[in-house]
Amino acid sequence: MVLPKKLAQLMKENGFNFVELAKRSGVSKSTIHGWTTGRKVQDLSELKRVATILKVPIHELVFGEPDPFEAKSQEFLKELFTGDVRVTVHRIERIRSK
């Protein structure tokens, strides 16, 4: 896992220190500092909040590279939806609950 190095790099690129990133993400400064030193166990919900602020996917934050399965999904969708897509709605009904 390359989280300590990747997190430090992204903080530097975005101009964040521990205090600023903690304020914006809602994750404690000591937790973020622990991640950069490799001593703190990661909580997925906290990682997600930090990744959101740093504008990277969690997989990239933790492993230092894009998720290979996500890339394959995007390729599949591009192949599936090439060209124009036409959507029509023939009938919309409102169902009232009893």
Protein backbone atom coordinates (compact mmCIF):
# COMPACT_ATOMS: atom_id res chain seq x y z
CA MET A 1 0.00 0.00 0.00
CA VAL A 2 1.36 3.39 -0.99
CA LEU A 3 -1.12 5.52 0.96
CA PRO A 4 1.48 7.45 3.00
CA LYS A 5 3.42 8.64 -0.06
CA LYS A 6 0.35 9.24 -2.25
CA LEU A 7 -1.46 11.18 0.46
CA ALA A 8 1.56 13.40 1.10
CA GLN A 9 1.94 14.01 -2.65
CA LEU A 10 -1.73 14.91 -3.13
CA MET A 11 -1.72 17.20 -0.10
CA LYS A 12 1.28 19.03 -1.51
CA GLU A 13 -0.24 19.27 -5.02
CA ASN A 14 -3.48 20.69 -3.58
CA GLY A 15 -1.73 23.01 -1.13
CA PHE A 16 -3.19 21.36 1.98
CA ASN A 17 -1.57 20.88 5.34
CA PHE A 18 -2.94 18.48 7.95
CA VAL A 19 -5.12 21.12 9.58
CA GLU A 20 -6.71 22.31 6.32
CA LEU A 21 -7.39 18.79 5.04
CA ALA A 22 -8.85 17.82 8.42
CA LYS A 23 -11.20 20.82 8.41
CA ARG A 24 -12.41 20.20 4.86
CA SER A 25 -12.84 16.43 5.18
CA GLY A 26 -14.08 16.17 8.75
CA VAL A 27 -11.37 13.61 9.53
CA SER A 28 -9.18 14.36 12.54
CA LYS A 29 -5.72 15.81 12.02
CA SER A 30 -4.17 12.99 14.04
CA THR A 31 -5.84 10.37 11.83
CA ILE A 32 -4.54 12.01 8.64
CA HIS A 33 -1.08 12.35 10.16
CA GLY A 34 -1.20 8.68 11.16
CA TRP A 35 -2.00 7.74 7.55
CA THR A 36 1.03 9.64 6.27
CA THR A 37 3.32 7.84 8.72
CA GLY A 38 1.75 4.44 8.05
CA ARG A 39 0.85 3.88 11.72
CA LYS A 40 -2.92 4.39 11.59
CA VAL A 41 -5.45 1.81 10.40
CA GLN A 42 -7.69 3.31 7.73
CA ASP A 43 -11.43 3.66 8.07
CA LEU A 44 -13.10 3.40 4.68
CA SER A 45 -15.61 6.19 5.30
CA GLU A 46 -12.81 8.54 6.39
CA LEU A 47 -10.70 7.57 3.38
CA LYS A 48 -13.65 8.35 1.13
CA ARG A 49 -14.09 11.82 2.62
CA VAL A 50 -10.39 12.62 2.20
CA ALA A 51 -10.32 11.21 -1.35
CA THR A 52 -13.33 13.37 -2.24
CA ILE A 53 -11.59 16.52 -1.01
CA LEU A 54 -8.41 15.56 -2.90
CA LYS A 55 -10.52 14.73 -6.00
CA VAL A 56 -9.18 11.20 -6.50
CA PRO A 57 -10.83 7.77 -6.27
CA ILE A 58 -10.15 5.81 -3.06
CA HIS A 59 -8.34 3.10 -5.04
CA GLU A 60 -5.89 5.64 -6.43
CA LEU A 61 -5.34 7.18 -2.98
CA VAL A 62 -4.57 3.80 -1.40
CA PHE A 63 -2.74 2.02 -4.23
CA GLY A 64 -1.33 4.95 -6.21
CA GLU A 65 -2.96 3.96 -9.50
CA PRO A 66 -6.43 3.97 -11.05
CA ASP A 67 -8.71 0.99 -10.41
CA PRO A 68 -8.15 -1.42 -13.34
CA PHE A 69 -11.70 -2.77 -13.09
CA GLU A 70 -13.17 0.71 -13.30
CA ALA A 71 -11.24 1.37 -16.51
CA LYS A 72 -12.59 -1.84 -18.04
CA SER A 73 -16.13 -0.83 -17.06
CA GLN A 74 -15.69 2.53 -18.77
CA GLU A 75 -14.37 0.85 -21.93
CA PHE A 76 -17.34 -1.51 -21.94
CA LEU A 77 -19.79 1.37 -21.59
CA LYS A 78 -18.13 3.28 -24.42
CA GLU A 79 -18.46 0.25 -26.69
CA LEU A 80 -22.03 -0.36 -25.61
CA PHE A 81 -23.19 3.21 -26.14
CA THR A 82 -21.38 4.26 -29.29
CA GLY A 83 -23.35 6.54 -31.57
CA ASP A 84 -26.58 8.31 -30.78
CA VAL A 85 -29.01 7.04 -28.20
CA ARG A 86 -32.69 7.76 -28.59
CA VAL A 87 -34.97 7.55 -25.58
CA THR A 88 -38.72 7.94 -25.81
CA VAL A 89 -41.39 7.86 -23.16
CA HIS A 90 -44.71 6.51 -24.30
CA ARG A 91 -46.70 6.66 -21.13
CA ILE A 92 -46.17 7.89 -17.60
CA GLU A 93 -48.61 6.80 -14.93
CA ARG A 94 -48.97 7.89 -11.38
CA ILE A 95 -49.82 5.05 -9.07
CA ARG A 96 -51.53 6.14 -5.92
CA SER A 97 -50.77 4.23 -2.78
CA LYS A 98 -53.69 2.97 -0.75
